[in-house]
Amino acid sequence: MVPQLAAPAAVTAAPCVNGVIPLNPYVQNCNLPPRQNRVRGAAPDAGAIIACRGNPWCLSNYVNGP
C-alpha cells in the first residue's frame, strides 16, 4: 500500500505569529492579548519583554525608539 501524502497547507498572511521571534519585539504574538497603541517611553508590552529577554539594548530601543 502506498501512503498518501497530505497536500501542503495554503500559505496566508496572518496578523500574528504563533511564537516569539527573538530580538524582534514588533511582531504580534497570537498567544498574547492584542497590542494597544504604543507611546514612546511607556512600559513595554509582554511580547516585547519576552522577545528582548536577555538583551537590554533591544528593550531600550523598543521603549525609547521610534
N, C-alpha and C. Protein backbone atom coordinates (compact mmCIF):
# COMPACT_ATOMS: atom_id res chain seq x y z
N MET A 1 0.84 -1.17 0.00
CA MET A 1 0.00 0.00 0.00
C MET A 1 0.89 1.24 0.00
N VAL A 2 0.58 2.19 -0.85
CA VAL A 2 1.35 3.43 -0.97
C VAL A 2 0.74 4.47 -0.04
N PRO A 3 1.54 5.08 0.86
CA PRO A 3 0.97 6.08 1.75
C PRO A 3 0.57 7.35 0.98
N GLN A 4 -0.52 7.92 1.38
CA GLN A 4 -1.00 9.16 0.77
C GLN A 4 -0.31 10.34 1.44
N LEU A 5 0.21 11.25 0.65
CA LEU A 5 0.83 12.44 1.19
C LEU A 5 -0.21 13.55 1.27
N ALA A 6 -0.19 14.28 2.37
CA ALA A 6 -1.13 15.38 2.53
C ALA A 6 -0.72 16.54 1.63
N ALA A 7 -1.69 17.23 1.11
CA ALA A 7 -1.41 18.41 0.29
C ALA A 7 -0.85 19.51 1.20
N PRO A 8 0.11 20.29 0.71
CA PRO A 8 0.66 21.37 1.54
C PRO A 8 -0.41 22.40 1.87
N ALA A 9 -0.34 22.91 3.08
CA ALA A 9 -1.30 23.93 3.51
C ALA A 9 -1.07 25.21 2.74
N ALA A 10 -2.13 25.91 2.50
CA ALA A 10 -2.02 27.20 1.80
C ALA A 10 -1.33 28.20 2.70
N VAL A 11 -0.43 28.97 2.13
CA VAL A 11 0.30 29.97 2.89
C VAL A 11 -0.50 31.27 2.83
N THR A 12 -0.89 31.76 3.99
CA THR A 12 -1.62 33.01 4.05
C THR A 12 -0.94 33.95 5.04
N ALA A 13 -1.10 35.20 4.83
CA ALA A 13 -0.53 36.19 5.74
C ALA A 13 -1.44 36.31 6.95
N ALA A 14 -0.90 36.02 8.12
CA ALA A 14 -1.66 36.13 9.35
C ALA A 14 -1.28 37.42 10.07
N PRO A 15 -2.21 37.98 10.83
CA PRO A 15 -1.89 39.21 11.55
C PRO A 15 -1.00 38.97 12.77
N CYS A 16 -0.73 37.70 13.07
CA CYS A 16 0.09 37.40 14.23
C CYS A 16 0.92 36.14 13.98
N VAL A 17 1.90 35.93 14.85
CA VAL A 17 2.80 34.79 14.74
C VAL A 17 2.58 33.89 15.96
N ASN A 18 2.56 32.59 15.76
CA ASN A 18 2.39 31.68 16.88
C ASN A 18 3.76 31.38 17.49
N GLY A 19 4.22 32.27 18.32
CA GLY A 19 5.53 32.14 18.96
C GLY A 19 6.21 33.49 19.05
N VAL A 20 7.45 33.47 19.44
CA VAL A 20 8.21 34.70 19.62
C VAL A 20 9.42 34.67 18.70
N ILE A 21 9.70 35.78 18.05
CA ILE A 21 10.90 35.91 17.23
C ILE A 21 11.91 36.68 18.07
N PRO A 22 13.01 36.04 18.47
CA PRO A 22 13.98 36.72 19.33
C PRO A 22 14.49 38.02 18.70
N LEU A 23 14.61 39.03 19.53
CA LEU A 23 15.12 40.35 19.17
C LEU A 23 14.23 41.08 18.17
N ASN A 24 12.97 40.67 18.04
CA ASN A 24 12.02 41.39 17.19
C ASN A 24 10.75 41.63 18.00
N PRO A 25 10.74 42.69 18.82
CA PRO A 25 9.59 42.93 19.69
C PRO A 25 8.37 43.50 18.97
N TYR A 26 8.48 43.80 17.68
CA TYR A 26 7.37 44.41 16.95
C TYR A 26 6.39 43.40 16.38
N VAL A 27 6.71 42.12 16.42
CA VAL A 27 5.84 41.08 15.88
C VAL A 27 4.72 40.79 16.87
N GLN A 28 3.49 40.73 16.39
CA GLN A 28 2.34 40.41 17.25
C GLN A 28 2.27 38.91 17.46
N ASN A 29 2.20 38.48 18.70
CA ASN A 29 2.13 37.07 19.07
C ASN A 29 0.67 36.67 19.21
N CYS A 30 0.27 35.55 18.62
CA CYS A 30 -1.12 35.09 18.68
C CYS A 30 -1.53 34.67 20.10
N ASN A 31 -0.56 34.30 20.93
CA ASN A 31 -0.87 33.80 22.27
C ASN A 31 -0.98 34.91 23.31
N LEU A 32 -0.70 36.15 22.95
CA LEU A 32 -0.77 37.28 23.87
C LEU A 32 -1.92 38.19 23.48
N PRO A 33 -2.41 39.00 24.43
CA PRO A 33 -3.50 39.92 24.08
C PRO A 33 -3.07 40.91 23.00
N PRO A 34 -4.03 41.43 22.24
CA PRO A 34 -3.69 42.41 21.19
C PRO A 34 -2.98 43.62 21.79
N ARG A 35 -2.09 44.18 21.03
CA ARG A 35 -1.35 45.35 21.50
C ARG A 35 -2.19 46.60 21.41
N GLN A 36 -1.96 47.48 22.37
CA GLN A 36 -2.58 48.80 22.35
C GLN A 36 -1.66 49.74 21.60
N ASN A 37 -2.08 50.96 21.39
CA ASN A 37 -1.21 51.95 20.76
C ASN A 37 0.01 52.15 21.63
N ARG A 38 1.17 52.16 21.02
CA ARG A 38 2.42 52.29 21.76
C ARG A 38 2.77 53.76 21.91
N VAL A 39 3.16 54.14 23.14
CA VAL A 39 3.57 55.50 23.43
C VAL A 39 5.04 55.47 23.80
N ARG A 40 5.82 56.34 23.19
CA ARG A 40 7.26 56.39 23.45
C ARG A 40 7.52 56.62 24.94
N GLY A 41 8.37 55.78 25.54
CA GLY A 41 8.73 55.91 26.95
C GLY A 41 7.81 55.14 27.88
N ALA A 42 6.71 54.58 27.37
CA ALA A 42 5.78 53.83 28.22
C ALA A 42 6.31 52.42 28.47
N ALA A 43 5.73 51.75 29.42
CA ALA A 43 6.13 50.38 29.74
C ALA A 43 5.92 49.47 28.53
N PRO A 44 6.86 48.56 28.28
CA PRO A 44 6.72 47.64 27.14
C PRO A 44 5.64 46.59 27.40
N ASP A 45 5.07 46.07 26.32
CA ASP A 45 4.08 45.01 26.47
C ASP A 45 4.77 43.66 26.66
N ALA A 46 3.99 42.64 26.95
CA ALA A 46 4.54 41.31 27.25
C ALA A 46 5.34 40.74 26.08
N GLY A 47 4.87 40.96 24.86
CA GLY A 47 5.58 40.43 23.69
C GLY A 47 6.98 41.01 23.57
N ALA A 48 7.12 42.30 23.83
CA ALA A 48 8.43 42.95 23.76
C ALA A 48 9.35 42.44 24.86
N ILE A 49 8.81 42.27 26.05
CA ILE A 49 9.62 41.77 27.17
C ILE A 49 10.13 40.37 26.87
N ILE A 50 9.28 39.53 26.32
CA ILE A 50 9.69 38.15 26.01
C ILE A 50 10.68 38.13 24.85
N ALA A 51 10.41 38.88 23.80
CA ALA A 51 11.29 38.88 22.62
C ALA A 51 12.67 39.46 22.94
N CYS A 52 12.73 40.44 23.84
CA CYS A 52 14.00 41.10 24.17
C CYS A 52 14.66 40.51 25.40
N ARG A 53 14.18 39.38 25.88
CA ARG A 53 14.73 38.76 27.09
C ARG A 53 16.24 38.59 26.95
N GLY A 54 16.96 39.12 27.95
CA GLY A 54 18.41 38.96 27.98
C GLY A 54 19.17 39.98 27.16
N ASN A 55 18.47 40.93 26.54
CA ASN A 55 19.15 41.93 25.71
C ASN A 55 18.61 43.31 26.06
N PRO A 56 19.27 44.04 26.98
CA PRO A 56 18.77 45.34 27.40
C PRO A 56 18.70 46.36 26.26
N TRP A 57 19.60 46.28 25.28
CA TRP A 57 19.56 47.22 24.17
C TRP A 57 18.26 47.07 23.39
N CYS A 58 17.84 45.85 23.15
CA CYS A 58 16.62 45.59 22.39
C CYS A 58 15.42 46.22 23.08
N LEU A 59 15.30 46.00 24.38
CA LEU A 59 14.17 46.52 25.13
C LEU A 59 14.21 48.05 25.21
N SER A 60 15.40 48.60 25.42
CA SER A 60 15.55 50.04 25.48
C SER A 60 15.19 50.69 24.14
N ASN A 61 15.61 50.07 23.07
CA ASN A 61 15.28 50.59 21.73
C ASN A 61 13.78 50.53 21.48
N TYR A 62 13.12 49.47 21.93
CA TYR A 62 11.67 49.35 21.75
C TYR A 62 10.93 50.42 22.54
N VAL A 63 11.35 50.66 23.79
CA VAL A 63 10.67 51.63 24.65
C VAL A 63 10.93 53.06 24.20
N ASN A 64 12.19 53.39 23.90
CA ASN A 64 12.56 54.77 23.62
C ASN A 64 12.70 55.11 22.15
N GLY A 65 12.65 54.11 21.30
CA GLY A 65 12.85 54.34 19.86
C GLY A 65 11.58 54.79 19.16
N PRO A 66 11.65 54.91 17.86
CA PRO A 66 10.50 55.39 17.08
C PRO A 66 9.32 54.45 17.05
